[in-house]
Amino acid sequence: MDDKEILGHIGELISTEHDLRTRLAAGQLSSEDERERLASVEESLDQYWDLLRQRRARREFGEDPAQARVRPAAEVEGYQQ
């Protein structure tokens, strides 16, 4: 997956997150499944932003960006932005 594909996936996740948040604010998101879906989308966003940052850092320091890997959600959730 290259940077362009990662950014495309991030865009899709952001769109999904906005849709879910809009539905939640409108009271249309009442089931626990949908709330879990929102949490899952947020975790995926954190992971893909982290992947993109890893790739950029590797490129900056002359390393192969293809060696960057998606890290577990529990690991990236604890990072300070």
PDB file of N, CA and C in Angstrom:
ATOM      1  N   MET A   1       0.852  -1.171   0.000  1.00  0.00           N
ATOM      2  CA  MET A   1       0.000   0.000   0.000  1.00  0.00           C
ATOM      3  C   MET A   1       0.902   1.238   0.000  1.00  0.00           C
ATOM      4  N   ASP A   2       0.703   2.128  -0.968  1.00  0.00           N
ATOM      5  CA  ASP A   2       1.513   3.349  -1.009  1.00  0.00           C
ATOM      6  C   ASP A   2       0.782   4.500  -0.306  1.00  0.00           C
ATOM      7  N   ASP A   3       1.462   5.652  -0.220  1.00  0.00           N
ATOM      8  CA  ASP A   3       0.894   6.799   0.504  1.00  0.00           C
ATOM      9  C   ASP A   3      -0.455   7.220  -0.065  1.00  0.00           C
ATOM     10  N   LYS A   4      -0.572   7.212  -1.379  1.00  0.00           N
ATOM     11  CA  LYS A   4      -1.825   7.631  -2.010  1.00  0.00           C
ATOM     12  C   LYS A   4      -2.976   6.700  -1.617  1.00  0.00           C
ATOM     13  N   GLU A   5      -2.711   5.413  -1.583  1.00  0.00           N
ATOM     14  CA  GLU A   5      -3.744   4.452  -1.173  1.00  0.00           C
ATOM     15  C   GLU A   5      -4.094   4.623   0.304  1.00  0.00           C
ATOM     16  N   ILE A   6      -3.088   4.864   1.120  1.00  0.00           N
ATOM     17  CA  ILE A   6      -3.328   5.076   2.553  1.00  0.00           C
ATOM     18  C   ILE A   6      -4.188   6.318   2.755  1.00  0.00           C
ATOM     19  N   LEU A   7      -3.849   7.401   2.045  1.00  0.00           N
ATOM     20  CA  LEU A   7      -4.642   8.627   2.155  1.00  0.00           C
ATOM     21  C   LEU A   7      -6.072   8.413   1.658  1.00  0.00           C
ATOM     22  N   GLY A   8      -6.240   7.621   0.617  1.00  0.00           N
ATOM     23  CA  GLY A   8      -7.581   7.306   0.133  1.00  0.00           C
ATOM     24  C   GLY A   8      -8.383   6.554   1.180  1.00  0.00           C
ATOM     25  N   HIS A   9      -7.726   5.597   1.834  1.00  0.00           N
ATOM     26  CA  HIS A   9      -8.398   4.817   2.880  1.00  0.00           C
ATOM     27  C   HIS A   9      -8.740   5.719   4.067  1.00  0.00           C
ATOM     28  N   ILE A  10      -7.827   6.619   4.421  1.00  0.00           N
ATOM     29  CA  ILE A  10      -8.091   7.564   5.503  1.00  0.00           C
ATOM     30  C   ILE A  10      -9.303   8.429   5.148  1.00  0.00           C
ATOM     31  N   GLY A  11      -9.370   8.883   3.903  1.00  0.00           N
ATOM     32  CA  GLY A  11     -10.512   9.685   3.459  1.00  0.00           C
ATOM     33  C   GLY A  11     -11.827   8.945   3.592  1.00  0.00           C
ATOM     34  N   GLU A  12     -11.816   7.671   3.229  1.00  0.00           N
ATOM     35  CA  GLU A  12     -13.032   6.850   3.366  1.00  0.00           C
ATOM     36  C   GLU A  12     -13.423   6.698   4.830  1.00  0.00           C
ATOM     37  N   LEU A  13     -12.432   6.462   5.681  1.00  0.00           N
ATOM     38  CA  LEU A  13     -12.710   6.317   7.111  1.00  0.00           C
ATOM     39  C   LEU A  13     -13.239   7.615   7.713  1.00  0.00           C
ATOM     40  N   ILE A  14     -12.676   8.743   7.293  1.00  0.00           N
ATOM     41  CA  ILE A  14     -13.148  10.040   7.784  1.00  0.00           C
ATOM     42  C   ILE A  14     -14.598  10.266   7.366  1.00  0.00           C
ATOM     43  N   SER A  15     -14.919   9.921   6.141  1.00  0.00           N
ATOM     44  CA  SER A  15     -16.290  10.063   5.662  1.00  0.00           C
ATOM     45  C   SER A  15     -17.246   9.198   6.483  1.00  0.00           C
ATOM     46  N   THR A  16     -16.836   7.976   6.752  1.00  0.00           N
ATOM     47  CA  THR A  16     -17.657   7.073   7.563  1.00  0.00           C
ATOM     48  C   THR A  16     -17.819   7.617   8.975  1.00  0.00           C
ATOM     49  N   GLU A  17     -16.713   8.123   9.551  1.00  0.00           N
ATOM     50  CA  GLU A  17     -16.769   8.683  10.896  1.00  0.00           C
ATOM     51  C   GLU A  17     -17.725   9.876  10.954  1.00  0.00           C
ATOM     52  N   HIS A  18     -17.644  10.763   9.971  1.00  0.00           N
ATOM     53  CA  HIS A  18     -18.535  11.928   9.948  1.00  0.00           C
ATOM     54  C   HIS A  18     -19.993  11.495   9.851  1.00  0.00           C
ATOM     55  N   ASP A  19     -20.254  10.518   9.004  1.00  0.00           N
ATOM     56  CA  ASP A  19     -21.615  10.013   8.854  1.00  0.00           C
ATOM     57  C   ASP A  19     -22.131   9.430  10.171  1.00  0.00           C
ATOM     58  N   LEU A  20     -21.310   8.613  10.813  1.00  0.00           N
ATOM     59  CA  LEU A  20     -21.724   8.003  12.084  1.00  0.00           C
ATOM     60  C   LEU A  20     -21.924   9.060  13.166  1.00  0.00           C
ATOM     61  N   ARG A  21     -21.035  10.058  13.228  1.00  0.00           N
ATOM     62  CA  ARG A  21     -21.177  11.123  14.233  1.00  0.00           C
ATOM     63  C   ARG A  21     -22.432  11.960  13.985  1.00  0.00           C
ATOM     64  N   THR A  22     -22.735  12.227  12.722  1.00  0.00           N
ATOM     65  CA  THR A  22     -23.945  12.974  12.380  1.00  0.00           C
ATOM     66  C   THR A  22     -25.180  12.192  12.807  1.00  0.00           C
ATOM     67  N   ARG A  23     -25.169  10.905  12.514  1.00  0.00           N
ATOM     68  CA  ARG A  23     -26.309  10.063  12.908  1.00  0.00           C
ATOM     69  C   ARG A  23     -26.428   9.958  14.420  1.00  0.00           C
ATOM     70  N   LEU A  24     -25.285   9.903  15.119  1.00  0.00           N
ATOM     71  CA  LEU A  24     -25.300   9.839  16.575  1.00  0.00           C
ATOM     72  C   LEU A  24     -25.879  11.130  17.152  1.00  0.00           C
ATOM     73  N   ALA A  25     -25.443  12.281  16.637  1.00  0.00           N
ATOM     74  CA  ALA A  25     -25.932  13.579  17.108  1.00  0.00           C
ATOM     75  C   ALA A  25     -27.420  13.752  16.839  1.00  0.00           C
ATOM     76  N   ALA A  26     -27.905  13.168  15.763  1.00  0.00           N
ATOM     77  CA  ALA A  26     -29.317  13.286  15.400  1.00  0.00           C
ATOM     78  C   ALA A  26     -30.181  12.261  16.129  1.00  0.00           C
ATOM     79  N   GLY A  27     -29.544  11.450  16.974  1.00  0.00           N
ATOM     80  CA  GLY A  27     -30.302  10.433  17.700  1.00  0.00           C
ATOM     81  C   GLY A  27     -30.658   9.224  16.860  1.00  0.00           C
ATOM     82  N   GLN A  28     -30.067   9.119  15.697  1.00  0.00           N
ATOM     83  CA  GLN A  28     -30.352   8.001  14.800  1.00  0.00           C
ATOM     84  C   GLN A  28     -29.452   6.806  15.075  1.00  0.00           C
ATOM     85  N   LEU A  29     -28.477   6.978  15.912  1.00  0.00           N
ATOM     86  CA  LEU A  29     -27.512   5.925  16.200  1.00  0.00           C
ATOM     87  C   LEU A  29     -27.746   5.451  17.618  1.00  0.00           C
ATOM     88  N   SER A  30     -28.620   4.494  17.762  1.00  0.00           N
ATOM     89  CA  SER A  30     -28.978   4.090  19.113  1.00  0.00           C
ATOM     90  C   SER A  30     -28.463   2.709  19.495  1.00  0.00           C
ATOM     91  N   SER A  31     -28.150   1.913  18.520  1.00  0.00           N
ATOM     92  CA  SER A  31     -27.733   0.559  18.870  1.00  0.00           C
ATOM     93  C   SER A  31     -26.272   0.517  19.289  1.00  0.00           C
ATOM     94  N   GLU A  32     -25.972  -0.374  20.186  1.00  0.00           N
ATOM     95  CA  GLU A  32     -24.599  -0.549  20.658  1.00  0.00           C
ATOM     96  C   GLU A  32     -23.685  -0.969  19.512  1.00  0.00           C
ATOM     97  N   ASP A  33     -24.211  -1.705  18.549  1.00  0.00           N
ATOM     98  CA  ASP A  33     -23.407  -2.123  17.391  1.00  0.00           C
ATOM     99  C   ASP A  33     -22.877  -0.920  16.625  1.00  0.00           C
ATOM    100  N   GLU A  34     -23.723   0.086  16.440  1.00  0.00           N
ATOM    101  CA  GLU A  34     -23.298   1.275  15.705  1.00  0.00           C
ATOM    102  C   GLU A  34     -22.254   2.071  16.492  1.00  0.00           C
ATOM    103  N   ARG A  35     -22.438   2.141  17.796  1.00  0.00           N
ATOM    104  CA  ARG A  35     -21.447   2.835  18.629  1.00  0.00           C
ATOM    105  C   ARG A  35     -20.102   2.102  18.581  1.00  0.00           C
ATOM    106  N   GLU A  36     -20.159   0.771  18.571  1.00  0.00           N
ATOM    107  CA  GLU A  36     -18.935  -0.014  18.454  1.00  0.00           C
ATOM    108  C   GLU A  36     -18.294   0.209  17.089  1.00  0.00           C
ATOM    109  N   ARG A  37     -19.117   0.359  16.066  1.00  0.00           N
ATOM    110  CA  ARG A  37     -18.601   0.615  14.721  1.00  0.00           C
ATOM    111  C   ARG A  37     -17.856   1.953  14.683  1.00  0.00           C
ATOM    112  N   LEU A  38     -18.413   2.956  15.343  1.00  0.00           N
ATOM    113  CA  LEU A  38     -17.761   4.260  15.408  1.00  0.00           C
ATOM    114  C   LEU A  38     -16.412   4.132  16.116  1.00  0.00           C
ATOM    115  N   ALA A  39     -16.365   3.409  17.209  1.00  0.00           N
ATOM    116  CA  ALA A  39     -15.104   3.214  17.931  1.00  0.00           C
ATOM    117  C   ALA A  39     -14.090   2.485  17.054  1.00  0.00           C
ATOM    118  N   SER A  40     -14.556   1.514  16.291  1.00  0.00           N
ATOM    119  CA  SER A  40     -13.682   0.765  15.393  1.00  0.00           C
ATOM    120  C   SER A  40     -13.119   1.657  14.291  1.00  0.00           C
ATOM    121  N   VAL A  41     -13.959   2.527  13.736  1.00  0.00           N
ATOM    122  CA  VAL A  41     -13.510   3.462  12.697  1.00  0.00           C
ATOM    123  C   VAL A  41     -12.458   4.403  13.272  1.00  0.00           C
ATOM    124  N   GLU A  42     -12.679   4.893  14.482  1.00  0.00           N
ATOM    125  CA  GLU A  42     -11.717   5.797  15.119  1.00  0.00           C
ATOM    126  C   GLU A  42     -10.375   5.103  15.335  1.00  0.00           C
ATOM    127  N   GLU A  43     -10.401   3.837  15.754  1.00  0.00           N
ATOM    128  CA  GLU A  43      -9.167   3.079  15.944  1.00  0.00           C
ATOM    129  C   GLU A  43      -8.431   2.896  14.618  1.00  0.00           C
ATOM    130  N   SER A  44      -9.185   2.551  13.576  1.00  0.00           N
ATOM    131  CA  SER A  44      -8.573   2.361  12.255  1.00  0.00           C
ATOM    132  C   SER A  44      -7.942   3.650  11.757  1.00  0.00           C
ATOM    133  N   LEU A  45      -8.614   4.768  11.981  1.00  0.00           N
ATOM    134  CA  LEU A  45      -8.047   6.061  11.584  1.00  0.00           C
ATOM    135  C   LEU A  45      -6.707   6.301  12.279  1.00  0.00           C
ATOM    136  N   ASP A  46      -6.654   6.052  13.571  1.00  0.00           N
ATOM    137  CA  ASP A  46      -5.405   6.229  14.310  1.00  0.00           C
ATOM    138  C   ASP A  46      -4.303   5.343  13.724  1.00  0.00           C
ATOM    139  N   GLN A  47      -4.655   4.103  13.390  1.00  0.00           N
ATOM    140  CA  GLN A  47      -3.665   3.177  12.849  1.00  0.00           C
ATOM    141  C   GLN A  47      -3.146   3.638  11.486  1.00  0.00           C
ATOM    142  N   TYR A  48      -4.030   4.089  10.612  1.00  0.00           N
ATOM    143  CA  TYR A  48      -3.599   4.492   9.274  1.00  0.00           C
ATOM    144  C   TYR A  48      -2.845   5.819   9.286  1.00  0.00           C
ATOM    145  N   TRP A  49      -3.220   6.751  10.172  1.00  0.00           N
ATOM    146  CA  TRP A  49      -2.421   7.973  10.309  1.00  0.00           C
ATOM    147  C   TRP A  49      -1.028   7.620  10.804  1.00  0.00           C
ATOM    148  N   ASP A  50      -0.948   6.689  11.754  1.00  0.00           N
ATOM    149  CA  ASP A  50       0.343   6.243  12.264  1.00  0.00           C
ATOM    150  C   ASP A  50       1.167   5.597  11.146  1.00  0.00           C
ATOM    151  N   LEU A  51       0.548   4.768  10.331  1.00  0.00           N
ATOM    152  CA  LEU A  51       1.240   4.124   9.216  1.00  0.00           C
ATOM    153  C   LEU A  51       1.801   5.171   8.258  1.00  0.00           C
ATOM    154  N   LEU A  52       1.000   6.177   7.952  1.00  0.00           N
ATOM    155  CA  LEU A  52       1.458   7.237   7.058  1.00  0.00           C
ATOM    156  C   LEU A  52       2.648   7.990   7.664  1.00  0.00           C
ATOM    157  N   ARG A  53       2.578   8.286   8.959  1.00  0.00           N
ATOM    158  CA  ARG A  53       3.700   8.962   9.633  1.00  0.00           C
ATOM    159  C   ARG A  53       4.957   8.088   9.613  1.00  0.00           C
ATOM    160  N   GLN A  54       4.785   6.779   9.829  1.00  0.00           N
ATOM    161  CA  GLN A  54       5.928   5.867   9.778  1.00  0.00           C
ATOM    162  C   GLN A  54       6.584   5.899   8.401  1.00  0.00           C
ATOM    163  N   ARG A  55       5.756   5.833   7.353  1.00  0.00           N
ATOM    164  CA  ARG A  55       6.280   5.825   5.987  1.00  0.00           C
ATOM    165  C   ARG A  55       7.037   7.115   5.690  1.00  0.00           C
ATOM    166  N   ARG A  56       6.489   8.233   6.111  1.00  0.00           N
ATOM    167  CA  ARG A  56       7.144   9.522   5.868  1.00  0.00           C
ATOM    168  C   ARG A  56       8.461   9.622   6.630  1.00  0.00           C
ATOM    169  N   ALA A  57       8.476   9.142   7.861  1.00  0.00           N
ATOM    170  CA  ALA A  57       9.705   9.172   8.658  1.00  0.00           C
ATOM    171  C   ALA A  57      10.772   8.275   8.044  1.00  0.00           C
ATOM    172  N   ARG A  58      10.382   7.099   7.601  1.00  0.00           N
ATOM    173  CA  ARG A  58      11.342   6.191   6.969  1.00  0.00           C
ATOM    174  C   ARG A  58      11.926   6.827   5.711  1.00  0.00           C
ATOM    175  N   ARG A  59      11.073   7.442   4.921  1.00  0.00           N
ATOM    176  CA  ARG A  59      11.534   8.084   3.687  1.00  0.00           C
ATOM    177  C   ARG A  59      12.504   9.222   4.019  1.00  0.00           C
ATOM    178  N   GLU A  60      12.163  10.013   5.034  1.00  0.00           N
ATOM    179  CA  GLU A  60      13.005  11.146   5.433  1.00  0.00           C
ATOM    180  C   GLU A  60      14.404  10.701   5.850  1.00  0.00           C
ATOM    181  N   PHE A  61      14.499   9.529   6.471  1.00  0.00           N
ATOM    182  CA  PHE A  61      15.788   9.050   6.963  1.00  0.00           C
ATOM    183  C   PHE A  61      16.432   8.017   6.043  1.00  0.00           C
ATOM    184  N   GLY A  62      15.979   7.985   4.784  1.00  0.00           N
ATOM    185  CA  GLY A  62      16.604   7.129   3.790  1.00  0.00           C
ATOM    186  C   GLY A  62      16.286   5.654   3.916  1.00  0.00           C
ATOM    187  N   GLU A  63      15.251   5.335   4.642  1.00  0.00           N
ATOM    188  CA  GLU A  63      14.842   3.939   4.805  1.00  0.00           C
ATOM    189  C   GLU A  63      13.693   3.628   3.854  1.00  0.00           C
ATOM    190  N   ASP A  64      13.402   2.355   3.696  1.00  0.00           N
ATOM    191  CA  ASP A  64      12.348   1.897   2.804  1.00  0.00           C
ATOM    192  C   ASP A  64      10.975   2.092   3.461  1.00  0.00           C
ATOM    193  N   PRO A  65      10.126   2.978   2.912  1.00  0.00           N
ATOM    194  CA  PRO A  65       8.805   3.191   3.509  1.00  0.00           C
ATOM    195  C   PRO A  65       7.913   1.952   3.455  1.00  0.00           C
ATOM    196  N   ALA A  66       8.211   1.040   2.547  1.00  0.00           N
ATOM    197  CA  ALA A  66       7.413  -0.184   2.439  1.00  0.00           C
ATOM    198  C   ALA A  66       7.586  -1.092   3.653  1.00  0.00           C
ATOM    199  N   GLN A  67       8.599  -0.828   4.456  1.00  0.00           N
ATOM    200  CA  GLN A  67       8.828  -1.629   5.660  1.00  0.00           C
ATOM    201  C   GLN A  67       7.935  -1.200   6.828  1.00  0.00           C
ATOM    202  N   ALA A  68       7.235  -0.080   6.690  1.00  0.00           N
ATOM    203  CA  ALA A  68       6.313   0.377   7.743  1.00  0.00           C
ATOM    204  C   ALA A  68       5.151  -0.602   7.838  1.00  0.00           C
ATOM    205  N   ARG A  69       4.684  -0.833   9.026  1.00  0.00           N
ATOM    206  CA  ARG A  69       3.598  -1.783   9.270  1.00  0.00           C
ATOM    207  C   ARG A  69       2.509  -1.151  10.132  1.00  0.00           C
ATOM    208  N   VAL A  70       1.287  -1.608   9.924  1.00  0.00           N
ATOM    209  CA  VAL A  70       0.178  -1.172  10.769  1.00  0.00           C
ATOM    210  C   VAL A  70       0.426  -1.741  12.161  1.00  0.00           C
ATOM    211  N   ARG A  71       0.437  -0.846  13.139  1.00  0.00           N
ATOM    212  CA  ARG A  71       0.652  -1.280  14.520  1.00  0.00           C
ATOM    213  C   ARG A  71      -0.700  -1.555  15.181  1.00  0.00           C
ATOM    214  N   PRO A  72      -0.696  -2.365  16.232  1.00  0.00           N
ATOM    215  CA  PRO A  72      -1.949  -2.672  16.942  1.00  0.00           C
ATOM    216  C   PRO A  72      -2.621  -1.395  17.460  1.00  0.00           C
ATOM    217  N   ALA A  73      -3.941  -1.397  17.458  1.00  0.00           N
ATOM    218  CA  ALA A  73      -4.709  -0.234  17.916  1.00  0.00           C
ATOM    219  C   ALA A  73      -4.327   0.150  19.345  1.00  0.00           C
ATOM    220  N   ALA A  74      -4.121  -0.824  20.194  1.00  0.00           N
ATOM    221  CA  ALA A  74      -3.775  -0.534  21.585  1.00  0.00           C
ATOM    222  C   ALA A  74      -2.465   0.236  21.680  1.00  0.00           C
ATOM    223  N   GLU A  75      -1.563   0.006  20.735  1.00  0.00           N
ATOM    224  CA  GLU A  75      -0.276   0.703  20.743  1.00  0.00           C
ATOM    225  C   GLU A  75      -0.428   2.147  20.272  1.00  0.00           C
ATOM    226  N   VAL A  76      -1.129   2.369  19.180  1.00  0.00           N
ATOM    227  CA  VAL A  76      -1.238   3.738  18.635  1.00  0.00           C
ATOM    228  C   VAL A  76      -2.235   4.596  19.398  1.00  0.00           C
ATOM    229  N   GLU A  77      -3.162   3.997  20.096  1.00  0.00           N
ATOM    230  CA  GLU A  77      -4.146   4.750  20.873  1.00  0.00           C
ATOM    231  C   GLU A  77      -3.486   5.539  21.988  1.00  0.00           C
ATOM    232  N   GLY A  78      -2.346   5.081  22.483  1.00  0.00           N
ATOM    233  CA  GLY A  78      -1.694   5.730  23.604  1.00  0.00           C
ATOM    234  C   GLY A  78      -0.768   6.867  23.204  1.00  0.00           C
ATOM    235  N   TYR A  79      -0.573   7.096  21.916  1.00  0.00           N
ATOM    236  CA  TYR A  79       0.340   8.141  21.452  1.00  0.00           C
ATOM    237  C   TYR A  79      -0.245   9.516  21.686  1.00  0.00           C
ATOM    238  N   GLN A  80       0.630  10.454  22.022  1.00  0.00           N
ATOM    239  CA  GLN A  80       0.231  11.856  22.147  1.00  0.00           C
ATOM    240  C   GLN A  80       0.357  12.516  20.787  1.00  0.00           C
ATOM    241  N   GLN A  81      -0.604  13.311  20.395  1.00  0.00           N
ATOM    242  CA  GLN A  81      -0.589  13.966  19.083  1.00  0.00           C
ATOM    243  C   GLN A  81       0.062  15.314  19.162  1.00  0.00           C
TER     244      GLN A  81
END
